[in-house]
Protein backbone atom coordinates (compact mmCIF):
# COMPACT_ATOMS: atom_id res chain seq x y z
CA ARG A 1 -0.12 -0.03 -0.19
CA SER A 2 1.76 3.94 -1.06
CA PRO A 3 2.01 6.18 1.64
CA SER A 4 -0.30 8.39 0.49
CA ARG A 5 -3.01 5.59 0.47
CA GLY A 6 -1.97 4.97 4.09
CA LEU A 7 -2.86 8.43 5.79
CA GLY A 8 -5.59 8.51 3.70
CA ASP A 9 -7.02 5.21 4.81
CA VAL A 10 -6.07 6.97 8.37
CA TYR A 11 -7.43 9.91 7.90
CA LYS A 12 -11.19 8.56 6.73
CA ARG A 13 -11.06 6.75 10.56
CA GLN A 14 -10.39 9.40 13.26
CA VAL A 15 -11.66 9.37 15.78
CA VAL A 16 -12.42 12.07 18.27
CA LYS A 17 -12.39 11.40 22.25
CA SER A 18 -12.93 13.36 24.87
CA ASN A 19 -11.91 11.89 28.03
CA GLN A 20 -14.01 13.89 30.34
CA LEU A 21 -16.90 15.38 30.32
CA THR A 22 -16.01 18.97 30.76
CA ALA A 23 -13.91 18.79 27.51
CA GLY A 24 -17.29 17.45 25.62
CA TRP A 25 -17.85 21.03 24.00
CA THR A 26 -14.23 21.01 22.43
CA GLY A 27 -14.92 17.44 21.17
CA LEU A 28 -17.99 18.32 19.72
CA ILE A 29 -16.74 21.53 17.65
CA CYS A 30 -13.76 18.27 16.31
CA LYS A 31 -16.14 16.63 15.50
CA LEU A 32 -18.56 19.35 13.07
CA PHE A 33 -15.45 21.03 11.73
CA PHE A 34 -13.50 17.75 11.27
CA SER A 35 -17.12 15.48 10.53
CA LYS A 36 -15.50 12.57 12.54
CA PRO A 37 -17.79 11.00 15.51
CA LEU A 38 -17.43 11.76 18.98
CA TYR A 39 -15.99 9.32 21.03
CA VAL A 40 -16.75 11.43 24.73
CA ARG A 41 -15.83 9.12 27.88
CA THR A 42 -16.68 9.95 31.13
CA GLY A 43 -15.19 9.42 34.78
CA TYR A 44 -18.12 10.06 36.81
CA ASP A 45 -21.42 12.10 36.80
CA ALA A 46 -20.28 15.87 37.18
CA TYR A 47 -24.41 16.53 37.20
CA ILE A 48 -24.74 13.92 40.25
CA PHE A 49 -21.73 15.48 41.80
CA SER A 50 -22.34 18.86 41.51
CA LYS A 51 -26.32 18.19 42.98
CA ASN A 52 -24.50 15.65 45.72
CA GLU A 53 -21.79 18.80 46.70
CA LYS A 54 -24.73 20.93 46.36
CA LYS A 55 -22.87 23.52 43.93
CA SER A 56 -25.37 26.78 42.75
CA LYS A 57 -28.29 25.76 40.39
CA PHE A 58 -26.86 28.46 38.21
CA LYS A 59 -23.63 25.33 37.96
CA GLN A 60 -25.77 22.42 38.87
CA ILE A 61 -28.52 24.38 35.28
CA LEU A 62 -25.06 24.40 33.36
CA PHE A 63 -23.63 20.59 33.61
CA PHE A 64 -27.26 19.13 33.40
CA LEU A 65 -27.06 20.99 30.40
CA LEU A 66 -23.82 19.99 28.85
CA THR A 67 -24.41 16.53 29.52
CA GLN A 68 -27.77 16.26 27.50
CA ILE A 69 -26.06 17.85 24.42
CA VAL A 70 -22.85 15.71 25.11
CA ILE A 71 -25.21 12.70 24.97
CA ILE A 72 -27.48 13.69 21.83
CA PHE A 73 -24.31 14.69 19.89
CA SER A 74 -21.65 11.99 20.37
CA ASP A 75 -21.39 9.04 18.42
CA HIS A 76 -20.33 7.03 21.85
CA TYR A 77 -20.93 8.30 25.59
CA THR A 78 -19.69 5.78 28.17
CA VAL A 79 -19.94 5.74 32.02
CA THR A 80 -17.90 3.96 34.71
CA SER A 81 -21.04 2.62 36.22
CA SER A 82 -24.47 1.19 35.89
CA SER A 83 -26.04 3.55 38.13
CA ASP A 84 -24.39 6.39 36.36
CA LEU A 85 -25.88 4.55 33.33
CA LYS A 86 -29.56 4.35 35.24
CA PHE A 87 -29.37 7.45 36.29
CA ILE A 88 -28.84 8.65 32.44
CA THR A 89 -31.27 6.63 30.83
CA SER A 90 -34.00 8.31 33.35
CA LYS A 91 -36.41 10.22 33.12
CA TYR A 92 -34.05 13.30 33.37
CA PHE A 93 -31.70 13.29 30.25
CA LEU A 94 -32.78 12.21 26.06
CA PRO A 95 -30.22 9.45 25.15
CA LYS A 96 -29.76 7.62 22.35
CA SER A 97 -30.02 4.03 23.37
CA THR A 98 -27.43 2.91 20.31
CA ASN A 99 -24.54 5.08 21.92
CA LEU A 100 -24.23 4.56 25.47
CA SER A 101 -22.41 1.66 27.99
CA ILE A 102 -20.39 0.64 30.57
CA SER A 103 -16.98 0.98 30.67
CA PRO A 104 -15.61 1.17 33.91
CA ASN A 105 -11.84 2.36 34.99
CA TRP A 106 -8.77 -0.03 35.37
CA VAL A 107 -5.96 -1.17 37.71
CA THR A 108 -3.02 -2.95 36.61
CA TYR A 109 -3.55 -6.70 37.78
CA ILE A 110 -1.70 -8.61 40.88
CA GLU A 111 -1.33 -12.44 40.76
CA PRO A 112 -1.67 -12.85 44.59
CA SER A 113 0.86 -15.34 44.71
CA SER A 114 3.06 -12.70 44.63
CA LEU A 115 1.81 -10.35 47.46
CA ASP A 116 3.01 -10.72 50.92
CA ILE A 117 -0.58 -11.00 52.52
CA ILE A 118 0.94 -12.00 56.06
CA ASN A 119 3.48 -9.53 56.96
CA ARG A 120 1.32 -6.52 56.87
CA LYS A 121 -0.38 -4.14 59.53
CA ASN A 122 -3.02 -5.37 61.60
CA LYS A 123 -3.87 -2.60 63.45
CA SER A 124 -3.53 0.29 60.81
CA ILE A 125 -6.01 1.18 58.38
CA LEU A 126 -5.66 3.09 55.20
CA SER A 127 -7.23 5.20 53.00
CA VAL A 128 -6.80 7.53 50.55
CA GLY A 129 -8.84 10.98 48.82
CA ARG A 130 -9.42 14.63 49.54
CA LEU A 131 -10.37 15.20 52.94
CA GLU A 132 -13.73 17.37 51.34
CA GLU A 133 -16.93 16.45 52.77
CA GLN A 134 -17.75 13.33 49.41
CA LYS A 135 -15.06 11.35 51.72
CA ASN A 136 -16.97 11.15 54.76
CA TYR A 137 -13.24 10.91 56.51
CA GLN A 138 -15.84 11.64 60.17
CA PHE A 139 -17.66 8.72 60.41
CA ILE A 140 -14.60 6.51 60.65
CA ILE A 141 -12.72 8.73 63.04
CA GLU A 142 -15.75 8.56 65.59
CA ALA A 143 -16.12 4.95 64.81
CA LEU A 144 -12.98 4.44 65.98
CA SER A 145 -13.31 6.48 68.60
CA ASN A 146 -10.66 4.30 71.88
CA SER A 147 -10.27 2.07 69.51
CA GLU A 148 -6.04 0.08 69.40
CA PHE A 149 -6.50 1.01 65.38
CA GLU A 150 -4.83 3.52 63.84
CA LEU A 151 -5.89 5.59 60.20
CA SER A 152 -3.54 6.90 58.15
CA ILE A 153 -4.91 8.58 55.30
CA ILE A 154 -3.20 10.05 52.09
CA GLY A 155 -4.51 13.23 50.83
CA THR A 156 -5.65 16.83 50.92
CA GLY A 157 -8.12 19.24 51.75
CA SER A 158 -10.30 21.59 53.56
CA MET A 159 -11.07 19.45 55.86
CA LYS A 160 -7.30 18.45 57.50
CA GLU A 161 -7.68 20.40 60.66
CA GLY A 162 -11.26 19.71 61.49
CA LEU A 163 -10.26 16.26 61.01
CA ILE A 164 -7.35 16.90 62.98
CA ASN A 165 -9.35 18.37 65.95
CA LEU A 166 -11.64 15.99 66.10
CA ALA A 167 -9.72 12.78 65.69
CA HIS A 168 -8.47 14.35 69.02
CA THR A 169 -11.58 14.90 70.71
CA VAL A 170 -12.64 11.15 70.24
CA LYS A 171 -9.42 9.92 70.94
CA THR A 172 -8.53 8.07 67.40
CA ASN A 173 -5.54 7.84 66.50
CA LEU A 174 -5.05 9.69 62.94
CA LYS A 175 -2.03 10.36 60.63
CA ILE A 176 -2.45 12.61 57.53
CA ILE A 177 -0.35 12.20 55.12
CA ASN A 178 0.64 14.51 52.01
CA ASN A 179 -0.31 13.47 48.25
CA ILE A 180 2.66 10.94 46.63
CA SER A 181 2.69 9.83 42.81
CA ASN A 182 0.63 6.76 42.12
CA SER A 183 3.55 4.40 41.94
CA LYS A 184 4.97 5.07 45.16
CA LEU A 185 0.69 4.96 46.43
CA MET A 186 1.16 1.03 44.82
CA GLU A 187 3.30 0.12 46.89
CA VAL A 188 2.25 1.90 50.30
CA TYR A 189 -1.27 -0.20 49.67
CA LYS A 190 0.49 -4.01 49.82
CA ASP A 191 1.44 -2.47 53.27
CA TYR A 192 -1.32 -2.38 54.81
CA LYS A 193 -4.30 -5.49 55.95
CA TYR A 194 -7.44 -2.98 55.61
CA PHE A 195 -8.32 -0.52 53.12
CA ILE A 196 -11.51 1.57 54.28
CA LEU A 197 -13.86 4.16 52.29
CA SER A 198 -16.65 6.17 53.83
CA SER A 199 -17.64 8.46 50.66
CA ASN A 200 -20.96 9.93 50.86
CA PHE A 201 -20.69 8.71 46.87
CA GLU A 202 -18.38 7.71 44.20
CA GLY A 203 -18.51 8.11 40.68
CA ASN A 204 -16.12 4.26 40.12
CA PRO A 205 -13.49 4.70 42.80
CA LYS A 206 -9.89 4.24 41.15
CA VAL A 207 -8.66 3.82 45.20
CA LEU A 208 -10.41 1.12 45.67
CA LEU A 209 -9.88 -1.06 42.44
CA GLU A 210 -6.26 -0.30 43.61
CA ALA A 211 -6.68 -1.34 46.68
CA MET A 212 -8.17 -4.58 45.39
CA SER A 213 -5.76 -5.42 43.36
CA ALA A 214 -2.58 -4.74 45.97
CA GLY A 215 -4.57 -7.48 48.29
CA CYS A 216 -6.07 -5.40 50.99
CA ILE A 217 -9.42 -6.30 52.25
CA PRO A 218 -11.95 -3.76 51.15
CA ILE A 219 -14.47 -2.28 53.73
CA VAL A 220 -16.63 0.10 52.50
CA SER A 221 -19.48 2.48 52.75
CA ASN A 222 -23.44 0.73 51.19
CA ILE A 223 -23.71 2.75 48.59
CA GLN A 224 -24.84 2.51 45.30
CA ASN A 225 -21.59 2.65 43.11
CA ASN A 226 -19.80 0.89 45.81
CA SER A 227 -22.02 -1.78 45.61
CA GLU A 228 -21.38 -2.72 42.07
CA ILE A 229 -18.17 -3.46 42.78
CA ILE A 230 -18.13 -4.59 46.30
CA ASP A 231 -19.95 -8.55 47.29
CA ASP A 232 -20.29 -8.03 50.68
CA GLY A 233 -18.46 -11.02 52.72
CA TYR A 234 -16.60 -12.38 49.18
CA ASN A 235 -14.60 -9.91 48.25
CA GLY A 236 -14.94 -6.90 50.32
CA PHE A 237 -17.14 -6.07 53.22
CA LEU A 238 -20.07 -3.20 53.43
CA PHE A 239 -21.41 -0.99 56.22
CA ASP A 240 -24.16 1.79 56.16
CA LEU A 241 -23.65 5.39 56.80
CA ASP A 242 -24.95 5.16 60.52
CA ASN A 243 -25.13 4.68 64.31
CA LYS A 244 -25.56 0.93 63.41
CA GLY A 245 -23.01 0.66 60.23
CA LYS A 246 -20.39 2.01 62.95
CA ASP A 247 -21.00 -1.58 64.40
CA VAL A 248 -20.80 -3.12 61.67
CA LEU A 249 -17.28 -1.58 61.14
CA LYS A 250 -16.10 -1.99 64.42
CA LYS A 251 -17.27 -6.46 64.03
CA ILE A 252 -15.22 -6.70 60.80
CA LEU A 253 -12.16 -4.89 62.41
CA HIS A 254 -12.56 -7.61 65.22
CA ASP A 255 -12.88 -10.62 63.24
CA ASP A 256 -11.09 -13.07 62.78
CA LEU A 257 -10.63 -13.12 58.76
CA ASP A 258 -9.66 -15.61 56.25
CA PHE A 259 -7.65 -12.91 54.47
CA ARG A 260 -6.44 -14.81 52.08
CA MET A 261 -9.87 -16.32 50.52
CA ILE A 262 -10.84 -12.48 50.59
CA THR A 263 -7.74 -11.20 48.92
CA ASN A 264 -7.85 -13.88 46.22
CA ASN A 265 -11.27 -12.69 45.61
CA ALA A 266 -10.73 -9.03 45.44
CA THR A 267 -7.38 -9.38 42.97
CA ASN A 268 -10.07 -11.98 41.40
CA THR A 269 -12.87 -9.35 40.57
CA ILE A 270 -9.70 -6.85 39.06
CA LYS A 271 -8.70 -9.48 36.29
CA LEU A 272 -12.51 -10.36 34.92
CA ARG A 273 -13.30 -7.13 35.21
CA PHE A 274 -11.53 -4.06 35.94
CA SER A 275 -8.10 -5.14 34.64
CA LEU A 276 -6.18 -2.71 31.97
CA GLU A 277 -6.32 -6.24 29.51
CA LYS A 278 -9.98 -6.01 29.36
CA ILE A 279 -11.12 -2.06 29.79
CA ALA A 280 -8.44 -2.13 26.79
CA SER A 281 -10.28 -4.63 24.56
CA GLN A 282 -14.20 -2.72 25.51
CA GLU A 283 -11.40 0.76 24.57
CA VAL A 284 -10.89 -1.21 21.24
CA SER A 285 -14.21 -3.15 20.10
CA ASN A 286 -15.82 0.90 21.11
CA LEU A 287 -13.38 2.58 18.72
CA GLN A 288 -13.53 -0.36 15.77
CA LYS A 289 -17.65 0.39 16.21
CA LEU A 290 -17.05 3.92 15.46
CA THR A 291 -14.21 3.64 12.64
CA SER A 292 -16.29 1.78 10.82
CA ARG A 293 -19.30 3.92 10.30
CA SER A 294 -16.20 6.76 9.22
């Protein structure tokens, strides 16, 4: 095949791709200008987050309109969870049923046999995320009041001082660590037996997937997007965000858990549903469908 023909073929098969909703409007412009199909991949539903974060009505309306416009004019639009897809296809939006699919976040799959699951910190719990209201760290701090467990949080945010003061008041051993690189974070996961996520709401939490791939026992809030990943008692544990949930959390930490079984099930979940190979295969399939039309 001649070089000129090859370049022409590549040009004909191009796709405009946006990896977040907020860049969707630039993708729409490129779609119209170059007459190419538009593929939009979102990591979370920006409109849902704007409502949960109680942003101004003006911003909520903007996110709603942007979401609606991008869904209508994109050739393929993906979300990261079943609950987000259900919301998109609800009465709030007017989707094209043929252009929507689920494409979760991905992490690197680690063979359980290569993980040291014995020599881990048994009295320390790891959490990772922004120190903001969404992550609900005050719930964990209060649940661990007068406990022998130490809570280590990796993250920064506006609630840092408040969380430190709360920990001091309720006598919880709290350690806050500034953000570190993802490569270092992946090694830190391997030092901990337990990973906890107490968020009020989430998209498709990558920190949870990372912790599972590293062999941690995940203990997470019983919200829709978490419960799509965690099967309670099989590959992790769920707790409700109420006083009973605090008791459940304490019981889990003091139970004699079959660490190896939970670890194997968690890492197997990553392999089957969230590994790079699995998600890359889905991505290629989506792109092939679009390029076959262009």
